Amino acid sequence: MLRRLIQAGAMVALLTGPAFAQAPQSSQSSLSVPLKTERPLTQEEIDKQKAADRAYEAAINKIPDKKSSSDPWGNIRQPSPTASKNNTQ
């Protein structure tokens, strides 16, 4: 009984380690690393971003429009029977 209790405690301890490592650290801790630092963009970075956006838009505009879906079996299938053929049978 005691053996199972110790094993269960060890399993819980081993499984909580990775979960604790994923939690963001408090700002009071000296070991915490800032996850995201925001700084204002320079004019050069803004110009590069705008140029990249224009290049992206130009590339997207070069892609042709998608054609309507084609039926690969369309040439093989028989045309649907008409109402007049169904009445004669």
PDB file of N, CA and C in Angstrom:
ATOM      1  N   MET A   1       0.830  -1.189   0.000  1.00  0.00           N
ATOM      2  CA  MET A   1       0.000   0.000   0.000  1.00  0.00           C
ATOM      3  C   MET A   1       0.874   1.253   0.000  1.00  0.00           C
ATOM      4  N   LEU A   2       1.865   1.263   0.855  1.00  0.00           N
ATOM      5  CA  LEU A   2       2.769   2.401   0.932  1.00  0.00           C
ATOM      6  C   LEU A   2       3.575   2.534  -0.358  1.00  0.00           C
ATOM      7  N   ARG A   3       3.897   1.398  -0.937  1.00  0.00           N
ATOM      8  CA  ARG A   3       4.665   1.398  -2.179  1.00  0.00           C
ATOM      9  C   ARG A   3       3.863   2.091  -3.292  1.00  0.00           C
ATOM     10  N   ARG A   4       2.579   1.787  -3.404  1.00  0.00           N
ATOM     11  CA  ARG A   4       1.731   2.410  -4.425  1.00  0.00           C
ATOM     12  C   ARG A   4       1.570   3.910  -4.168  1.00  0.00           C
ATOM     13  N   LEU A   5       1.495   4.302  -2.928  1.00  0.00           N
ATOM     14  CA  LEU A   5       1.378   5.712  -2.585  1.00  0.00           C
ATOM     15  C   LEU A   5       2.636   6.470  -3.000  1.00  0.00           C
ATOM     16  N   ILE A   6       3.775   5.875  -2.759  1.00  0.00           N
ATOM     17  CA  ILE A   6       5.042   6.514  -3.152  1.00  0.00           C
ATOM     18  C   ILE A   6       5.141   6.596  -4.676  1.00  0.00           C
ATOM     19  N   GLN A   7       4.736   5.536  -5.366  1.00  0.00           N
ATOM     20  CA  GLN A   7       4.776   5.545  -6.825  1.00  0.00           C
ATOM     21  C   GLN A   7       3.828   6.607  -7.388  1.00  0.00           C
ATOM     22  N   ALA A   8       2.649   6.714  -6.814  1.00  0.00           N
ATOM     23  CA  ALA A   8       1.694   7.720  -7.280  1.00  0.00           C
ATOM     24  C   ALA A   8       2.232   9.129  -7.038  1.00  0.00           C
ATOM     25  N   GLY A   9       2.855   9.349  -5.895  1.00  0.00           N
ATOM     26  CA  GLY A   9       3.448  10.658  -5.605  1.00  0.00           C
ATOM     27  C   GLY A   9       4.570  10.987  -6.574  1.00  0.00           C
ATOM     28  N   ALA A  10       5.385   9.996  -6.910  1.00  0.00           N
ATOM     29  CA  ALA A  10       6.468  10.220  -7.874  1.00  0.00           C
ATOM     30  C   ALA A  10       5.912  10.549  -9.248  1.00  0.00           C
ATOM     31  N   MET A  11       4.846   9.871  -9.658  1.00  0.00           N
ATOM     32  CA  MET A  11       4.241  10.148 -10.955  1.00  0.00           C
ATOM     33  C   MET A  11       3.674  11.569 -11.013  1.00  0.00           C
ATOM     34  N   VAL A  12       3.013  11.967  -9.962  1.00  0.00           N
ATOM     35  CA  VAL A  12       2.450  13.317  -9.919  1.00  0.00           C
ATOM     36  C   VAL A  12       3.577  14.351  -9.976  1.00  0.00           C
ATOM     37  N   ALA A  13       4.645  14.104  -9.239  1.00  0.00           N
ATOM     38  CA  ALA A  13       5.773  15.043  -9.234  1.00  0.00           C
ATOM     39  C   ALA A  13       6.417  15.124 -10.612  1.00  0.00           C
ATOM     40  N   LEU A  14       6.551  13.997 -11.293  1.00  0.00           N
ATOM     41  CA  LEU A  14       7.168  13.997 -12.617  1.00  0.00           C
ATOM     42  C   LEU A  14       6.269  14.654 -13.665  1.00  0.00           C
ATOM     43  N   LEU A  15       4.970  14.518 -13.517  1.00  0.00           N
ATOM     44  CA  LEU A  15       4.061  15.103 -14.494  1.00  0.00           C
ATOM     45  C   LEU A  15       3.832  16.596 -14.277  1.00  0.00           C
ATOM     46  N   THR A  16       3.999  17.086 -13.076  1.00  0.00           N
ATOM     47  CA  THR A  16       3.786  18.515 -12.830  1.00  0.00           C
ATOM     48  C   THR A  16       5.000  19.352 -13.192  1.00  0.00           C
ATOM     49  N   GLY A  17       6.155  18.743 -13.327  1.00  0.00           N
ATOM     50  CA  GLY A  17       7.365  19.488 -13.683  1.00  0.00           C
ATOM     51  C   GLY A  17       7.244  20.197 -15.020  1.00  0.00           C
ATOM     52  N   PRO A  18       6.896  19.488 -16.116  1.00  0.00           N
ATOM     53  CA  PRO A  18       6.756  20.169 -17.405  1.00  0.00           C
ATOM     54  C   PRO A  18       5.648  21.222 -17.409  1.00  0.00           C
ATOM     55  N   ALA A  19       4.567  20.971 -16.691  1.00  0.00           N
ATOM     56  CA  ALA A  19       3.485  21.957 -16.638  1.00  0.00           C
ATOM     57  C   ALA A  19       3.943  23.214 -15.900  1.00  0.00           C
ATOM     58  N   PHE A  20       4.708  23.058 -14.869  1.00  0.00           N
ATOM     59  CA  PHE A  20       5.228  24.214 -14.141  1.00  0.00           C
ATOM     60  C   PHE A  20       6.209  24.996 -14.999  1.00  0.00           C
ATOM     61  N   ALA A  21       6.978  24.298 -15.825  1.00  0.00           N
ATOM     62  CA  ALA A  21       7.958  24.967 -16.683  1.00  0.00           C
ATOM     63  C   ALA A  21       7.281  25.804 -17.760  1.00  0.00           C
ATOM     64  N   GLN A  22       6.068  25.450 -18.153  1.00  0.00           N
ATOM     65  CA  GLN A  22       5.374  26.198 -19.190  1.00  0.00           C
ATOM     66  C   GLN A  22       4.678  27.442 -18.658  1.00  0.00           C
ATOM     67  N   ALA A  23       4.465  27.528 -17.382  1.00  0.00           N
ATOM     68  CA  ALA A  23       3.760  28.670 -16.810  1.00  0.00           C
ATOM     69  C   ALA A  23       4.659  29.900 -16.847  1.00  0.00           C
ATOM     70  N   PRO A  24       4.102  31.066 -17.166  1.00  0.00           N
ATOM     71  CA  PRO A  24       4.918  32.274 -17.167  1.00  0.00           C
ATOM     72  C   PRO A  24       5.373  32.609 -15.749  1.00  0.00           C
ATOM     73  N   GLN A  25       6.592  33.031 -15.633  1.00  0.00           N
ATOM     74  CA  GLN A  25       7.160  33.361 -14.329  1.00  0.00           C
ATOM     75  C   GLN A  25       6.652  34.734 -13.896  1.00  0.00           C
ATOM     76  N   SER A  26       6.621  34.950 -12.609  1.00  0.00           N
ATOM     77  CA  SER A  26       6.188  36.246 -12.094  1.00  0.00           C
ATOM     78  C   SER A  26       7.284  37.287 -12.345  1.00  0.00           C
ATOM     79  N   SER A  27       6.905  38.548 -12.353  1.00  0.00           N
ATOM     80  CA  SER A  27       7.865  39.610 -12.630  1.00  0.00           C
ATOM     81  C   SER A  27       8.809  39.829 -11.452  1.00  0.00           C
ATOM     82  N   GLN A  28       8.489  39.289 -10.278  1.00  0.00           N
ATOM     83  CA  GLN A  28       9.349  39.460  -9.116  1.00  0.00           C
ATOM     84  C   GLN A  28      10.541  38.524  -9.150  1.00  0.00           C
ATOM     85  N   SER A  29      10.452  37.459  -9.926  1.00  0.00           N
ATOM     86  CA  SER A  29      11.531  36.485  -9.985  1.00  0.00           C
ATOM     87  C   SER A  29      12.704  37.066 -10.774  1.00  0.00           C
ATOM     88  N   SER A  30      13.905  36.806 -10.304  1.00  0.00           N
ATOM     89  CA  SER A  30      15.090  37.309 -10.999  1.00  0.00           C
ATOM     90  C   SER A  30      15.428  36.459 -12.217  1.00  0.00           C
ATOM     91  N   LEU A  31      14.821  35.286 -12.329  1.00  0.00           N
ATOM     92  CA  LEU A  31      15.104  34.390 -13.444  1.00  0.00           C
ATOM     93  C   LEU A  31      14.131  34.555 -14.599  1.00  0.00           C
ATOM     94  N   SER A  32      13.139  35.397 -14.450  1.00  0.00           N
ATOM     95  CA  SER A  32      12.133  35.529 -15.490  1.00  0.00           C
ATOM     96  C   SER A  32      12.714  36.234 -16.715  1.00  0.00           C
ATOM     97  N   VAL A  33      12.295  35.770 -17.866  1.00  0.00           N
ATOM     98  CA  VAL A  33      12.705  36.341 -19.134  1.00  0.00           C
ATOM     99  C   VAL A  33      11.479  37.001 -19.743  1.00  0.00           C
ATOM    100  N   PRO A  34      11.594  38.244 -20.163  1.00  0.00           N
ATOM    101  CA  PRO A  34      10.413  38.875 -20.759  1.00  0.00           C
ATOM    102  C   PRO A  34      10.010  38.141 -22.029  1.00  0.00           C
ATOM    103  N   LEU A  35       8.725  37.822 -22.144  1.00  0.00           N
ATOM    104  CA  LEU A  35       8.249  37.050 -23.276  1.00  0.00           C
ATOM    105  C   LEU A  35       8.114  37.896 -24.527  1.00  0.00           C
ATOM    106  N   LYS A  36       7.727  39.129 -24.379  1.00  0.00           N
ATOM    107  CA  LYS A  36       7.537  39.976 -25.542  1.00  0.00           C
ATOM    108  C   LYS A  36       7.895  41.402 -25.167  1.00  0.00           C
ATOM    109  N   THR A  37       8.782  41.962 -25.937  1.00  0.00           N
ATOM    110  CA  THR A  37       9.123  43.364 -25.716  1.00  0.00           C
ATOM    111  C   THR A  37       8.684  44.135 -26.952  1.00  0.00           C
ATOM    112  N   GLU A  38       7.928  45.178 -26.744  1.00  0.00           N
ATOM    113  CA  GLU A  38       7.468  45.993 -27.858  1.00  0.00           C
ATOM    114  C   GLU A  38       8.251  47.293 -27.874  1.00  0.00           C
ATOM    115  N   ARG A  39       8.711  47.603 -29.054  1.00  0.00           N
ATOM    116  CA  ARG A  39       9.419  48.857 -29.235  1.00  0.00           C
ATOM    117  C   ARG A  39       8.871  49.500 -30.499  1.00  0.00           C
ATOM    118  N   PRO A  40       8.960  50.787 -30.581  1.00  0.00           N
ATOM    119  CA  PRO A  40       8.444  51.435 -31.792  1.00  0.00           C
ATOM    120  C   PRO A  40       9.327  51.090 -32.993  1.00  0.00           C
ATOM    121  N   LEU A  41       8.682  50.930 -34.151  1.00  0.00           N
ATOM    122  CA  LEU A  41       9.407  50.599 -35.367  1.00  0.00           C
ATOM    123  C   LEU A  41      10.108  51.842 -35.909  1.00  0.00           C
ATOM    124  N   THR A  42      11.277  51.622 -36.466  1.00  0.00           N
ATOM    125  CA  THR A  42      11.987  52.728 -37.107  1.00  0.00           C
ATOM    126  C   THR A  42      11.386  52.950 -38.487  1.00  0.00           C
ATOM    127  N   GLN A  43      11.713  54.081 -39.089  1.00  0.00           N
ATOM    128  CA  GLN A  43      11.184  54.405 -40.415  1.00  0.00           C
ATOM    129  C   GLN A  43      11.669  53.385 -41.440  1.00  0.00           C
ATOM    130  N   GLU A  44      12.890  52.918 -41.285  1.00  0.00           N
ATOM    131  CA  GLU A  44      13.440  51.923 -42.213  1.00  0.00           C
ATOM    132  C   GLU A  44      12.651  50.606 -42.115  1.00  0.00           C
ATOM    133  N   GLU A  45      12.303  50.201 -40.906  1.00  0.00           N
ATOM    134  CA  GLU A  45      11.539  48.970 -40.728  1.00  0.00           C
ATOM    135  C   GLU A  45      10.126  49.116 -41.302  1.00  0.00           C
ATOM    136  N   ILE A  46       9.548  50.293 -41.148  1.00  0.00           N
ATOM    137  CA  ILE A  46       8.220  50.546 -41.703  1.00  0.00           C
ATOM    138  C   ILE A  46       8.268  50.471 -43.228  1.00  0.00           C
ATOM    139  N   ASP A  47       9.311  51.072 -43.831  1.00  0.00           N
ATOM    140  CA  ASP A  47       9.459  51.037 -45.283  1.00  0.00           C
ATOM    141  C   ASP A  47       9.652  49.604 -45.783  1.00  0.00           C
ATOM    142  N   LYS A  48      10.444  48.809 -45.058  1.00  0.00           N
ATOM    143  CA  LYS A  48      10.649  47.414 -45.449  1.00  0.00           C
ATOM    144  C   LYS A  48       9.344  46.631 -45.369  1.00  0.00           C
ATOM    145  N   GLN A  49       8.578  46.896 -44.330  1.00  0.00           N
ATOM    146  CA  GLN A  49       7.304  46.200 -44.163  1.00  0.00           C
ATOM    147  C   GLN A  49       6.324  46.568 -45.277  1.00  0.00           C
ATOM    148  N   LYS A  50       6.281  47.849 -45.644  1.00  0.00           N
ATOM    149  CA  LYS A  50       5.403  48.280 -46.725  1.00  0.00           C
ATOM    150  C   LYS A  50       5.835  47.675 -48.056  1.00  0.00           C
ATOM    151  N   ALA A  51       7.149  47.593 -48.290  1.00  0.00           N
ATOM    152  CA  ALA A  51       7.648  46.991 -49.532  1.00  0.00           C
ATOM    153  C   ALA A  51       7.298  45.505 -49.578  1.00  0.00           C
ATOM    154  N   ALA A  52       7.417  44.836 -48.455  1.00  0.00           N
ATOM    155  CA  ALA A  52       7.059  43.418 -48.402  1.00  0.00           C
ATOM    156  C   ALA A  52       5.568  43.228 -48.642  1.00  0.00           C
ATOM    157  N   ASP A  53       4.740  44.124 -48.101  1.00  0.00           N
ATOM    158  CA  ASP A  53       3.296  44.051 -48.320  1.00  0.00           C
ATOM    159  C   ASP A  53       2.944  44.264 -49.792  1.00  0.00           C
ATOM    160  N   ARG A  54       3.602  45.241 -50.428  1.00  0.00           N
ATOM    161  CA  ARG A  54       3.356  45.479 -51.854  1.00  0.00           C
ATOM    162  C   ARG A  54       3.786  44.280 -52.695  1.00  0.00           C
ATOM    163  N   ALA A  55       4.925  43.679 -52.365  1.00  0.00           N
ATOM    164  CA  ALA A  55       5.389  42.501 -53.098  1.00  0.00           C
ATOM    165  C   ALA A  55       4.429  41.334 -52.914  1.00  0.00           C
ATOM    166  N   TYR A  56       3.899  41.181 -51.721  1.00  0.00           N
ATOM    167  CA  TYR A  56       2.926  40.123 -51.450  1.00  0.00           C
ATOM    168  C   TYR A  56       1.664  40.330 -52.279  1.00  0.00           C
ATOM    169  N   GLU A  57       1.152  41.563 -52.283  1.00  0.00           N
ATOM    170  CA  GLU A  57      -0.052  41.861 -53.050  1.00  0.00           C
ATOM    171  C   GLU A  57       0.174  41.629 -54.536  1.00  0.00           C
ATOM    172  N   ALA A  58       1.343  42.012 -55.041  1.00  0.00           N
ATOM    173  CA  ALA A  58       1.645  41.802 -56.456  1.00  0.00           C
ATOM    174  C   ALA A  58       1.692  40.311 -56.778  1.00  0.00           C
ATOM    175  N   ALA A  59       2.270  39.524 -55.882  1.00  0.00           N
ATOM    176  CA  ALA A  59       2.334  38.083 -56.106  1.00  0.00           C
ATOM    177  C   ALA A  59       0.945  37.459 -56.063  1.00  0.00           C
ATOM    178  N   ILE A  60       0.104  37.923 -55.164  1.00  0.00           N
ATOM    179  CA  ILE A  60      -1.250  37.394 -55.062  1.00  0.00           C
ATOM    180  C   ILE A  60      -2.057  37.752 -56.313  1.00  0.00           C
ATOM    181  N   ASN A  61      -1.854  38.954 -56.846  1.00  0.00           N
ATOM    182  CA  ASN A  61      -2.598  39.373 -58.033  1.00  0.00           C
ATOM    183  C   ASN A  61      -2.166  38.610 -59.276  1.00  0.00           C
ATOM    184  N   LYS A  62      -0.964  38.036 -59.295  1.00  0.00           N
ATOM    185  CA  LYS A  62      -0.492  37.266 -60.447  1.00  0.00           C
ATOM    186  C   LYS A  62      -1.124  35.879 -60.505  1.00  0.00           C
ATOM    187  N   ILE A  63      -1.667  35.407 -59.405  1.00  0.00           N
ATOM    188  CA  ILE A  63      -2.284  34.086 -59.383  1.00  0.00           C
ATOM    189  C   ILE A  63      -3.604  34.164 -60.133  1.00  0.00           C
ATOM    190  N   PRO A  64      -3.805  33.287 -61.133  1.00  0.00           N
ATOM    191  CA  PRO A  64      -5.058  33.353 -61.890  1.00  0.00           C
ATOM    192  C   PRO A  64      -6.239  32.915 -61.033  1.00  0.00           C
ATOM    193  N   ASP A  65      -7.415  33.394 -61.419  1.00  0.00           N
ATOM    194  CA  ASP A  65      -8.634  33.016 -60.711  1.00  0.00           C
ATOM    195  C   ASP A  65      -8.894  31.536 -60.899  1.00  0.00           C
ATOM    196  N   LYS A  66      -9.482  30.929 -59.918  1.00  0.00           N
ATOM    197  CA  LYS A  66      -9.788  29.511 -59.981  1.00  0.00           C
ATOM    198  C   LYS A  66     -10.934  29.287 -60.962  1.00  0.00           C
ATOM    199  N   LYS A  67     -10.733  28.319 -61.850  1.00  0.00           N
ATOM    200  CA  LYS A  67     -11.780  27.988 -62.802  1.00  0.00           C
ATOM    201  C   LYS A  67     -12.892  27.246 -62.074  1.00  0.00           C
ATOM    202  N   SER A  68     -14.048  27.204 -62.710  1.00  0.00           N
ATOM    203  CA  SER A  68     -15.135  26.454 -62.098  1.00  0.00           C
ATOM    204  C   SER A  68     -14.740  24.987 -62.028  1.00  0.00           C
ATOM    205  N   SER A  69     -15.283  24.303 -61.067  1.00  0.00           N
ATOM    206  CA  SER A  69     -14.888  22.914 -60.867  1.00  0.00           C
ATOM    207  C   SER A  69     -15.241  22.098 -62.096  1.00  0.00           C
ATOM    208  N   SER A  70     -14.296  21.311 -62.538  1.00  0.00           N
ATOM    209  CA  SER A  70     -14.523  20.474 -63.709  1.00  0.00           C
ATOM    210  C   SER A  70     -14.837  19.057 -63.252  1.00  0.00           C
ATOM    211  N   ASP A  71     -15.626  18.389 -64.035  1.00  0.00           N
ATOM    212  CA  ASP A  71     -16.018  17.024 -63.729  1.00  0.00           C
ATOM    213  C   ASP A  71     -15.131  16.093 -64.544  1.00  0.00           C
ATOM    214  N   PRO A  72     -14.186  15.386 -63.909  1.00  0.00           N
ATOM    215  CA  PRO A  72     -13.290  14.526 -64.680  1.00  0.00           C
ATOM    216  C   PRO A  72     -14.028  13.360 -65.337  1.00  0.00           C
ATOM    217  N   TRP A  73     -15.186  12.993 -64.854  1.00  0.00           N
ATOM    218  CA  TRP A  73     -15.955  11.884 -65.432  1.00  0.00           C
ATOM    219  C   TRP A  73     -17.051  12.394 -66.362  1.00  0.00           C
ATOM    220  N   GLY A  74     -17.068  13.662 -66.653  1.00  0.00           N
ATOM    221  CA  GLY A  74     -18.134  14.233 -67.467  1.00  0.00           C
ATOM    222  C   GLY A  74     -18.223  13.658 -68.860  1.00  0.00           C
ATOM    223  N   ASN A  75     -17.103  13.304 -69.480  1.00  0.00           N
ATOM    224  CA  ASN A  75     -17.110  12.762 -70.837  1.00  0.00           C
ATOM    225  C   ASN A  75     -17.514  11.298 -70.853  1.00  0.00           C
ATOM    226  N   ILE A  76     -17.432  10.626 -69.741  1.00  0.00           N
ATOM    227  CA  ILE A  76     -17.694   9.193 -69.696  1.00  0.00           C
ATOM    228  C   ILE A  76     -19.146   8.911 -69.356  1.00  0.00           C
ATOM    229  N   ARG A  77     -19.739   9.715 -68.526  1.00  0.00           N
ATOM    230  CA  ARG A  77     -21.125   9.485 -68.108  1.00  0.00           C
ATOM    231  C   ARG A  77     -22.100   9.683 -69.261  1.00  0.00           C
ATOM    232  N   GLN A  78     -23.166   8.925 -69.207  1.00  0.00           N
ATOM    233  CA  GLN A  78     -24.256   9.092 -70.164  1.00  0.00           C
ATOM    234  C   GLN A  78     -25.058  10.318 -69.743  1.00  0.00           C
ATOM    235  N   PRO A  79     -25.619  11.026 -70.679  1.00  0.00           N
ATOM    236  CA  PRO A  79     -26.490  12.141 -70.276  1.00  0.00           C
ATOM    237  C   PRO A  79     -27.688  11.599 -69.526  1.00  0.00           C
ATOM    238  N   SER A  80     -28.208  12.392 -68.635  1.00  0.00           N
ATOM    239  CA  SER A  80     -29.342  11.939 -67.832  1.00  0.00           C
ATOM    240  C   SER A  80     -30.535  11.670 -68.752  1.00  0.00           C
ATOM    241  N   PRO A  81     -31.308  10.632 -68.447  1.00  0.00           N
ATOM    242  CA  PRO A  81     -32.459  10.306 -69.319  1.00  0.00           C
ATOM    243  C   PRO A  81     -33.507  11.407 -69.247  1.00  0.00           C
ATOM    244  N   THR A  82     -34.151  11.624 -70.370  1.00  0.00           N
ATOM    245  CA  THR A  82     -35.178  12.663 -70.428  1.00  0.00           C
ATOM    246  C   THR A  82     -36.512  12.094 -69.978  1.00  0.00           C
ATOM    247  N   ALA A  83     -37.432  12.941 -69.733  1.00  0.00           N
ATOM    248  CA  ALA A  83     -38.756  12.530 -69.255  1.00  0.00           C
ATOM    249  C   ALA A  83     -39.498  11.720 -70.294  1.00  0.00           C
ATOM    250  N   SER A  84     -39.298  12.005 -71.594  1.00  0.00           N
ATOM    251  CA  SER A  84     -40.038  11.286 -72.628  1.00  0.00           C
ATOM    252  C   SER A  84     -39.593   9.829 -72.703  1.00  0.00           C
ATOM    253  N   LYS A  85     -38.335   9.539 -72.481  1.00  0.00           N
ATOM    254  CA  LYS A  85     -37.864   8.164 -72.502  1.00  0.00           C
ATOM    255  C   LYS A  85     -38.430   7.396 -71.328  1.00  0.00           C
ATOM    256  N   ASN A  86     -38.576   8.034 -70.192  1.00  0.00           N
ATOM    257  CA  ASN A  86     -39.114   7.354 -69.005  1.00  0.00           C
ATOM    258  C   ASN A  86     -40.587   7.017 -69.190  1.00  0.00           C
ATOM    259  N   ASN A  87     -41.333   7.830 -69.925  1.00  0.00           N
ATOM    260  CA  ASN A  87     -42.763   7.574 -70.117  1.00  0.00           C
ATOM    261  C   ASN A  87     -43.008   6.409 -71.040  1.00  0.00           C
ATOM    262  N   THR A  88     -42.116   6.128 -71.987  1.00  0.00           N
ATOM    263  CA  THR A  88     -42.329   5.048 -72.955  1.00  0.00           C
ATOM    264  C   THR A  88     -42.032   3.684 -72.341  1.00  0.00           C
ATOM    265  N   GLN A  89     -41.307   3.634 -71.287  1.00  0.00           N
ATOM    266  CA  GLN A  89     -40.964   2.341 -70.701  1.00  0.00           C
ATOM    267  C   GLN A  89     -42.017   1.759 -69.906  1.00  0.00           C
TER     268      GLN A  89
END
